[in-house]
Protein backbone atom coordinates (compact mmCIF):
# COMPACT_ATOMS: atom_id res chain seq x y z
CA MET A 1 -15.25 21.84 2.64
CA ILE A 2 -13.99 18.87 4.68
CA PRO A 3 -11.21 17.32 2.56
CA LEU A 4 -11.03 13.64 1.64
CA PHE A 5 -7.25 13.55 2.16
CA LYS A 6 -4.91 15.61 4.29
CA PRO A 7 -1.19 15.16 5.11
CA HIS A 8 -0.28 14.85 8.77
CA MET A 9 3.10 16.09 9.97
CA PRO A 10 4.18 14.80 13.40
CA SER A 11 6.09 16.86 15.91
CA CYS A 12 9.78 16.67 14.92
CA PRO A 13 11.79 18.66 17.48
CA ASP A 14 15.27 17.91 16.11
CA LEU A 15 14.51 18.13 12.40
CA GLN A 16 16.48 21.33 11.80
CA ASP A 17 19.55 19.84 13.48
CA LEU A 18 19.27 16.75 11.30
CA LEU A 19 18.90 18.79 8.11
CA HIS A 20 22.21 20.53 8.81
CA SER A 21 24.01 17.53 10.29
CA GLY A 22 25.59 16.29 7.09
CA ARG A 23 24.18 12.81 7.85
CA LEU A 24 21.25 12.49 5.46
CA ALA A 25 21.80 9.11 3.80
CA TYR A 26 20.39 5.81 5.14
CA GLY A 27 21.51 5.54 8.75
CA LYS A 28 20.38 5.31 12.37
CA TYR A 29 16.98 6.99 11.96
CA ALA A 30 16.01 4.91 8.94
CA LYS A 31 17.08 1.78 10.82
CA GLU A 32 15.10 2.84 13.90
CA PHE A 33 12.02 3.35 11.74
CA GLU A 34 12.54 -0.13 10.26
CA SER A 35 12.74 -1.59 13.78
CA GLY A 36 9.52 0.13 14.78
CA LEU A 37 7.77 -1.29 11.74
CA CYS A 38 9.09 -4.77 12.51
CA GLU A 39 7.69 -4.54 16.03
CA MET A 40 4.32 -3.31 14.79
CA LEU A 41 3.98 -6.00 12.12
CA GLY A 42 5.60 -8.82 14.08
CA VAL A 43 8.26 -9.51 11.43
CA ASN A 44 12.02 -9.99 11.66
CA ASP A 45 13.32 -7.67 8.96
CA ILE A 46 11.92 -4.91 6.77
CA MET A 47 13.69 -2.64 4.30
CA GLY A 48 13.01 1.08 4.34
CA VAL A 49 12.84 2.45 0.81
CA SER A 50 12.82 5.97 -0.65
CA SER A 51 9.51 5.63 -2.52
CA PHE A 52 6.63 3.23 -3.06
CA GLY A 53 7.49 2.73 -6.72
CA ALA A 54 11.08 1.91 -5.77
CA ALA A 55 9.83 -0.66 -3.25
CA ILE A 56 7.81 -2.46 -5.92
CA THR A 57 10.60 -2.33 -8.51
CA ALA A 58 13.15 -3.60 -5.98
CA ALA A 59 10.85 -6.47 -5.02
CA LEU A 60 10.40 -7.49 -8.67
CA ILE A 61 14.17 -7.43 -9.25
CA THR A 62 14.66 -9.51 -6.10
CA LEU A 63 12.19 -12.08 -7.44
CA GLY A 64 13.87 -12.07 -10.85
CA ILE A 65 10.69 -10.99 -12.64
CA GLY A 66 11.25 -9.50 -16.09
CA ALA A 67 10.29 -9.58 -19.75
CA GLY A 68 7.93 -12.41 -20.66
CA ASP A 69 6.67 -12.84 -17.12
CA GLU A 70 3.11 -12.11 -16.00
CA ILE A 71 1.80 -10.52 -12.81
CA ILE A 72 -1.86 -10.90 -11.84
CA ALA A 73 -3.31 -7.86 -10.09
CA SER A 74 -6.51 -5.96 -9.43
CA PRO A 75 -7.28 -3.01 -11.70
CA MET A 76 -9.05 -1.35 -8.77
CA SER A 77 -5.78 0.18 -7.67
CA CYS A 78 -3.82 3.40 -7.81
CA LEU A 79 -1.38 3.91 -10.69
CA VAL A 80 1.39 4.29 -8.13
CA SER A 81 0.75 0.61 -7.33
CA THR A 82 0.42 -0.70 -10.89
CA GLN A 83 2.79 1.30 -13.12
CA PRO A 84 5.86 -0.08 -11.28
CA LEU A 85 4.66 -3.63 -12.01
CA ILE A 86 5.75 -3.16 -15.64
CA SER A 87 9.04 -1.47 -14.72
CA THR A 88 11.10 -4.63 -15.27
CA GLY A 89 9.33 -5.61 -18.49
CA ALA A 90 6.66 -7.88 -17.03
CA LYS A 91 3.06 -7.87 -18.25
CA VAL A 92 0.12 -7.16 -15.96
CA VAL A 93 -2.85 -9.51 -16.28
CA TRP A 94 -5.95 -8.02 -14.70
CA ALA A 95 -8.31 -10.13 -12.60
CA ASP A 96 -11.84 -9.20 -11.61
CA VAL A 97 -13.05 -8.04 -8.21
CA ASP A 98 -15.94 -8.83 -5.90
CA PRO A 99 -18.50 -6.14 -6.91
CA ALA A 100 -19.67 -5.78 -3.30
CA LEU A 101 -16.17 -5.17 -1.89
CA GLY A 102 -13.83 -4.10 -4.68
CA ILE A 103 -11.25 -6.70 -3.67
CA LEU A 104 -9.54 -9.29 -5.86
CA CYS A 105 -11.64 -12.37 -6.66
CA PRO A 106 -9.74 -15.65 -6.04
CA ASN A 107 -11.73 -17.59 -8.63
CA ASP A 108 -10.94 -15.09 -11.38
CA VAL A 109 -7.29 -15.01 -10.34
CA ARG A 110 -7.23 -18.78 -10.71
CA SER A 111 -8.63 -18.53 -14.23
CA LYS A 112 -5.92 -16.05 -15.29
CA ILE A 113 -2.93 -18.19 -14.28
CA THR A 114 -0.63 -19.36 -17.11
CA SER A 115 2.83 -20.87 -17.29
CA HIS A 116 4.14 -17.29 -17.42
CA THR A 117 2.54 -16.17 -14.13
CA LYS A 118 5.28 -15.29 -11.65
CA LEU A 119 3.45 -13.19 -9.05
CA ILE A 120 -0.03 -12.41 -7.72
CA VAL A 121 -0.65 -9.06 -6.03
CA VAL A 122 -3.48 -8.66 -3.52
CA ASN A 123 -4.31 -5.10 -2.49
CA HIS A 124 -6.54 -3.38 0.05
CA PHE A 125 -8.47 -0.94 -2.09
CA CYS A 126 -9.08 2.31 -0.17
CA GLY A 127 -8.52 0.38 3.06
CA ILE A 128 -10.99 -2.42 2.27
CA VAL A 129 -9.06 -5.48 3.42
CA GLY A 130 -8.51 -8.04 0.68
CA ASP A 131 -9.27 -11.77 0.69
CA ILE A 132 -5.82 -12.82 1.90
CA ASN A 133 -6.59 -16.49 2.55
CA GLY A 134 -8.45 -16.91 -0.73
CA ILE A 135 -5.62 -15.45 -2.79
CA LEU A 136 -2.92 -17.30 -0.82
CA GLU A 137 -4.76 -20.56 -1.45
CA VAL A 138 -4.60 -19.95 -5.19
CA GLY A 139 -0.94 -18.98 -5.03
CA ARG A 140 0.05 -21.99 -2.95
CA ALA A 141 -1.82 -24.40 -5.25
CA HIS A 142 0.21 -23.16 -8.23
CA GLY A 143 3.52 -22.43 -6.51
CA ILE A 144 3.23 -18.69 -7.20
CA PRO A 145 4.27 -16.10 -4.59
CA VAL A 146 1.68 -13.60 -3.40
CA ALA A 147 2.59 -9.97 -2.73
CA GLU A 148 0.54 -7.75 -0.45
CA ASP A 149 0.11 -4.18 -1.70
CA VAL A 150 -0.28 -1.93 1.34
CA LEU A 151 -0.73 1.43 -0.31
CA GLU A 152 -4.00 2.20 1.45
CA GLY A 153 -4.49 -0.37 4.19
CA PHE A 154 -1.75 0.07 6.79
CA GLY A 155 -3.16 -0.29 10.28
CA GLY A 156 -5.88 -2.68 9.15
CA LYS A 157 -6.14 -6.28 10.29
CA TYR A 158 -7.18 -9.59 8.78
CA TYR A 159 -8.51 -11.97 11.44
CA ASP A 160 -6.51 -10.03 14.06
CA ASN A 161 -3.28 -10.21 12.02
CA PRO A 162 -1.69 -6.94 10.89
CA ILE A 163 -1.94 -6.01 7.23
CA GLY A 164 1.49 -6.09 5.58
CA SER A 165 2.72 -9.31 7.21
CA LEU A 166 0.37 -11.90 5.77
CA CYS A 167 1.77 -12.99 2.40
CA ASP A 168 5.13 -13.93 0.89
CA LEU A 169 6.14 -10.31 0.57
CA SER A 170 4.65 -6.86 0.94
CA TRP A 171 5.27 -3.29 -0.11
CA ILE A 172 3.98 -0.51 2.13
CA SER A 173 3.51 3.21 1.46
CA PHE A 174 4.29 6.03 3.85
CA GLY A 175 3.24 8.67 1.35
CA TYR A 176 2.17 12.21 2.13
CA VAL A 177 -1.51 11.40 2.76
CA ARG A 178 -0.87 7.97 4.32
CA GLN A 179 -0.50 7.02 7.96
CA PRO A 180 2.15 6.86 9.19
CA GLN A 181 3.74 9.22 6.68
CA ALA A 182 7.46 9.61 6.03
CA LEU A 183 7.82 12.07 3.14
CA ASP A 184 6.66 9.57 0.50
CA ALA A 185 8.94 6.80 1.78
CA ALA A 186 7.97 3.14 1.71
CA ALA A 187 9.04 -0.28 2.92
CA CYS A 188 9.39 -3.75 1.48
CA TRP A 189 9.28 -7.05 3.34
CA PHE A 190 10.00 -10.67 2.38
CA ALA A 191 9.04 -13.64 4.53
CA ASP A 192 11.96 -15.60 3.07
CA GLU A 193 15.24 -14.72 4.79
CA VAL A 194 17.37 -15.29 1.68
CA LEU A 195 15.18 -13.00 -0.41
CA SER A 196 15.16 -10.44 2.40
CA LYS A 197 18.96 -10.27 2.33
CA LYS A 198 18.95 -10.08 -1.45
CA LEU A 199 16.48 -7.19 -1.28
CA ARG A 200 18.95 -5.13 0.75
CA LEU A 201 21.56 -5.61 -1.97
CA VAL A 202 19.06 -4.71 -4.68
CA CYS A 203 18.08 -1.49 -2.87
CA ASP A 204 21.73 -0.43 -2.69
CA LEU A 205 22.77 -0.83 -6.34
CA GLY A 206 23.56 -4.50 -5.78
CA ILE A 207 26.53 -3.58 -3.60
CA ASP A 208 27.74 -5.73 -0.71
CA ARG A 209 29.06 -2.94 1.53
CA ALA A 210 31.12 -5.35 3.63
CA ARG A 211 33.31 -6.09 0.59
CA PHE A 212 32.95 -2.93 -1.49
CA ARG A 213 35.79 -0.95 0.12
CA THR A 214 39.24 -1.77 1.41
CA SER A 215 40.35 -1.12 5.01
CA SER A 216 41.67 2.27 3.87
CA GLY A 217 38.26 3.28 2.56
CA GLU A 218 39.01 3.01 -1.13
CA ILE A 219 36.81 1.03 -3.53
CA ASN A 220 38.08 -2.54 -3.60
CA PRO A 221 39.49 -3.33 -7.07
CA LEU A 222 39.01 -7.06 -6.39
CA TYR A 223 35.27 -6.73 -5.72
CA SER A 224 32.79 -6.88 -8.57
CA VAL A 225 29.12 -5.93 -8.37
CA ASP A 226 27.25 -8.90 -9.85
CA GLN A 227 23.71 -8.18 -8.61
CA ARG A 228 21.43 -5.83 -10.55
CA GLY A 229 20.02 -3.15 -8.29
CA ILE A 230 18.66 0.36 -7.89
CA SER A 231 19.40 3.26 -5.55
CA ALA A 232 16.40 3.05 -3.26
CA ALA A 233 17.41 3.15 0.39
CA MET A 234 15.39 5.41 2.69
CA GLY A 235 17.01 8.69 3.70
CA GLU A 236 17.53 9.86 7.26
CA VAL A 237 14.98 12.69 7.08
CA GLN A 238 12.36 10.21 5.90
CA GLY A 239 13.33 7.83 8.68
CA TYR A 240 13.25 10.55 11.33
CA ILE A 241 9.80 11.77 10.35
CA GLY A 242 8.65 8.15 10.04
CA ILE A 243 9.74 7.42 13.63
CA HIS A 244 7.75 10.33 15.02
CA SER A 245 4.78 9.61 12.80
CA LEU A 246 4.78 6.01 13.99
CA ARG A 247 4.65 7.20 17.61
CA GLU A 248 1.46 9.16 16.87
CA PHE A 249 -0.08 6.52 14.64
CA ASP A 250 -2.24 4.69 17.19
CA GLU A 251 -3.90 7.92 18.29
CA LEU A 252 -4.71 8.92 14.70
CA LEU A 253 -5.91 5.42 13.84
CA THR A 254 -8.24 5.46 16.85
CA GLN A 255 -9.66 8.80 15.71
CA GLN A 256 -10.31 7.41 12.22
CA LYS A 257 -12.09 4.35 13.61
CA ASN A 258 -14.22 6.54 15.88
CA ASN A 259 -15.15 8.68 12.89
CA ALA A 260 -16.17 5.54 11.03
CA LYS A 261 -18.63 4.69 13.79
CA TYR A 262 -20.49 7.93 13.15
CA TRP A 263 -20.73 7.14 9.44
CA ASP A 264 -21.98 3.66 10.39
CA ILE A 265 -24.84 5.21 12.34
CA LEU A 266 -25.73 7.66 9.58
CA PHE A 267 -26.02 4.94 6.95
CA GLU A 268 -27.71 2.32 9.11
CA GLY A 269 -30.89 1.28 7.33
CA SER A 270 -30.21 3.50 4.30
CA ALA A 271 -31.68 2.21 1.03
CA ASP A 272 -29.48 4.42 -1.15
CA ILE A 273 -26.02 4.23 0.41
CA ASN A 274 -24.48 1.14 1.98
CA SER A 275 -21.39 0.94 4.17
CA ILE A 276 -18.82 -1.61 2.97
CA ILE A 277 -18.10 -4.31 5.54
CA ASN A 278 -15.80 -7.32 5.07
CA ALA A 279 -16.27 -10.00 7.73
CA GLY A 280 -13.18 -10.95 9.75
CA THR A 281 -11.36 -7.74 8.88
CA ASP A 282 -10.62 -4.44 10.56
CA PHE A 283 -10.26 -1.42 8.26
CA CYS A 284 -7.83 1.42 8.91
CA TYR A 285 -10.49 3.86 7.65
CA TRP A 286 -8.05 5.99 5.71
CA VAL A 287 -11.32 6.83 4.00
CA TYR A 288 -14.85 5.61 4.70
CA PRO A 289 -15.94 3.31 1.83
CA VAL A 290 -19.56 3.10 0.63
CA LEU A 291 -21.61 1.90 -2.32
CA ALA A 292 -24.15 4.40 -3.65
CA ASN A 293 -27.07 3.49 -5.88
CA ASP A 294 -26.83 6.92 -7.49
CA LYS A 295 -23.13 7.79 -7.43
CA SER A 296 -23.37 11.12 -9.28
CA GLY A 297 -26.28 12.23 -7.14
CA ALA A 298 -24.47 11.23 -3.96
CA ILE A 299 -21.42 13.27 -4.94
CA LEU A 300 -23.56 16.36 -5.43
CA HIS A 301 -25.39 15.71 -2.18
CA PHE A 302 -22.26 15.37 -0.05
CA ASP A 303 -20.73 18.37 -1.77
CA SER A 304 -23.73 20.43 -0.69
CA LEU A 305 -23.16 19.25 2.90
CA GLY A 306 -19.50 20.28 2.79
CA TYR A 307 -17.89 16.85 2.42
CA ALA A 308 -15.35 16.20 -0.36
CA VAL A 309 -16.09 12.70 -1.72
CA SER A 310 -14.65 10.76 -4.64
CA GLY A 311 -14.34 7.43 -6.40
CA VAL A 312 -10.59 7.96 -5.81
CA HIS A 313 -9.26 5.69 -8.60
CA THR A 314 -10.27 4.71 -12.12
CA SER A 315 -9.94 1.06 -13.05
CA ASN A 316 -6.38 0.69 -14.31
CA HIS A 317 -7.23 -1.85 -17.02
CA GLU A 318 -8.57 1.10 -19.04
CA TYR A 319 -5.12 2.68 -19.35
CA LYS A 320 -3.43 1.93 -22.69
CA VAL A 321 0.02 1.69 -21.13
CA PHE A 322 -0.83 -1.81 -19.88
CA GLY A 323 -1.85 -3.06 -23.33
CA TRP A 324 -4.74 -5.10 -22.00
CA GLU A 325 -8.17 -5.59 -23.50
CA GLY A 326 -11.08 -7.32 -21.87
CA LYS A 327 -14.19 -6.87 -19.81
CA LEU A 328 -14.37 -7.17 -16.06
CA VAL A 329 -17.98 -7.30 -14.90
CA GLY A 330 -17.24 -7.04 -11.19
CA VAL A 331 -14.98 -4.03 -11.71
CA ASP A 332 -17.61 -2.22 -13.79
CA GLU A 333 -20.32 -2.78 -11.19
CA PHE A 334 -18.15 -1.81 -8.23
CA GLN A 335 -16.72 1.28 -9.91
CA SER A 336 -20.20 2.51 -10.85
CA ARG A 337 -21.19 2.63 -7.16
CA PHE A 338 -18.05 3.15 -5.05
CA LEU A 339 -17.44 6.36 -3.14
CA ALA A 340 -14.92 7.33 -0.47
CA LEU A 341 -15.96 9.73 2.29
CA PRO A 342 -13.70 11.74 4.64
CA CYS A 343 -12.87 9.76 7.77
CA GLY A 344 -9.34 10.80 8.68
CA TRP A 345 -7.87 12.32 11.81
CA TRP A 346 -8.76 15.86 10.60
CA VAL A 347 -12.51 15.14 10.71
CA ASN A 348 -13.82 16.02 14.15
CA GLU A 349 -16.76 14.37 15.88
CA SER A 350 -18.99 17.47 15.72
CA GLU A 351 -18.80 17.39 11.93
CA LEU A 352 -20.12 13.85 11.91
CA SER A 353 -22.33 13.51 14.99
CA GLY A 354 -24.65 16.21 13.67
CA GLY A 355 -24.46 14.93 10.12
CA LYS A 356 -27.50 14.57 7.92
CA LEU A 357 -28.26 12.30 5.01
């Protein structure tokens, strides 16, 4: 069976030395990984974080979002993206999606805005690039920041601009089955320089390290921590693996895009299964997304051919933890047809070029 997901571990020649070095906390490797990400995304500063959930929580604290505030998001997401949205006491308000793409619908987002709305989150569901300009237009019109959730879209582009650098802030996953991977690490980025500096304090328990200790190395009795924060900085092992994974990323991304071309050919002219295409965007093809007229039948069919396929996520508005009730027509239609097919670096051309529908 060809798996839908598979972790990739880059070559890490000095990993054993690092593990026994005694230097495992945030340091030179984590900073080097951050620099590599900045270069790739074309941004000035990005904070490496220990986990994706920590990145989201730190971003919400930086924005001052808490109890009584509302965050508009797409329910076509992974729980690792949405559970942290309620970590500071905020309420998630679900907006509908385009049934042909599974991405957040700007018009429905607009209809969900209230005086309590403090953030809009646009995601790239299973690598399908979201409507960045449409969502930003809504956010700008109402003075609400827009966050870009890059759990599943890193390496994609929106009108030739890299995913993760297009909104007011972003959080990016480097989880075990993501590319690049860094032992479940993540990153968070703010376009605003002031908020970017505040984020670094938040990720380090609110501590200003320049003032925290005296010249002798003791904790400064005259310094008081006045910024709420969490312990979220990326570790050195995560940074080291992230660096080497980043170096191999372009090669793996190219392989995934080449694999997608084979799927394109297989589904060309198909009446039962349609490839998902979003004009002006370039998918990372972490998976290959399709819409099937008979989803259950398609799953059985691909299983018989040796391909593991899945709908990947269940619409999050159905989970009671969010305390939300309502109907989302676009979500229902999209979820009834969406399937993800294997397209990653582990799928070789011979397994696709001779494929049969």
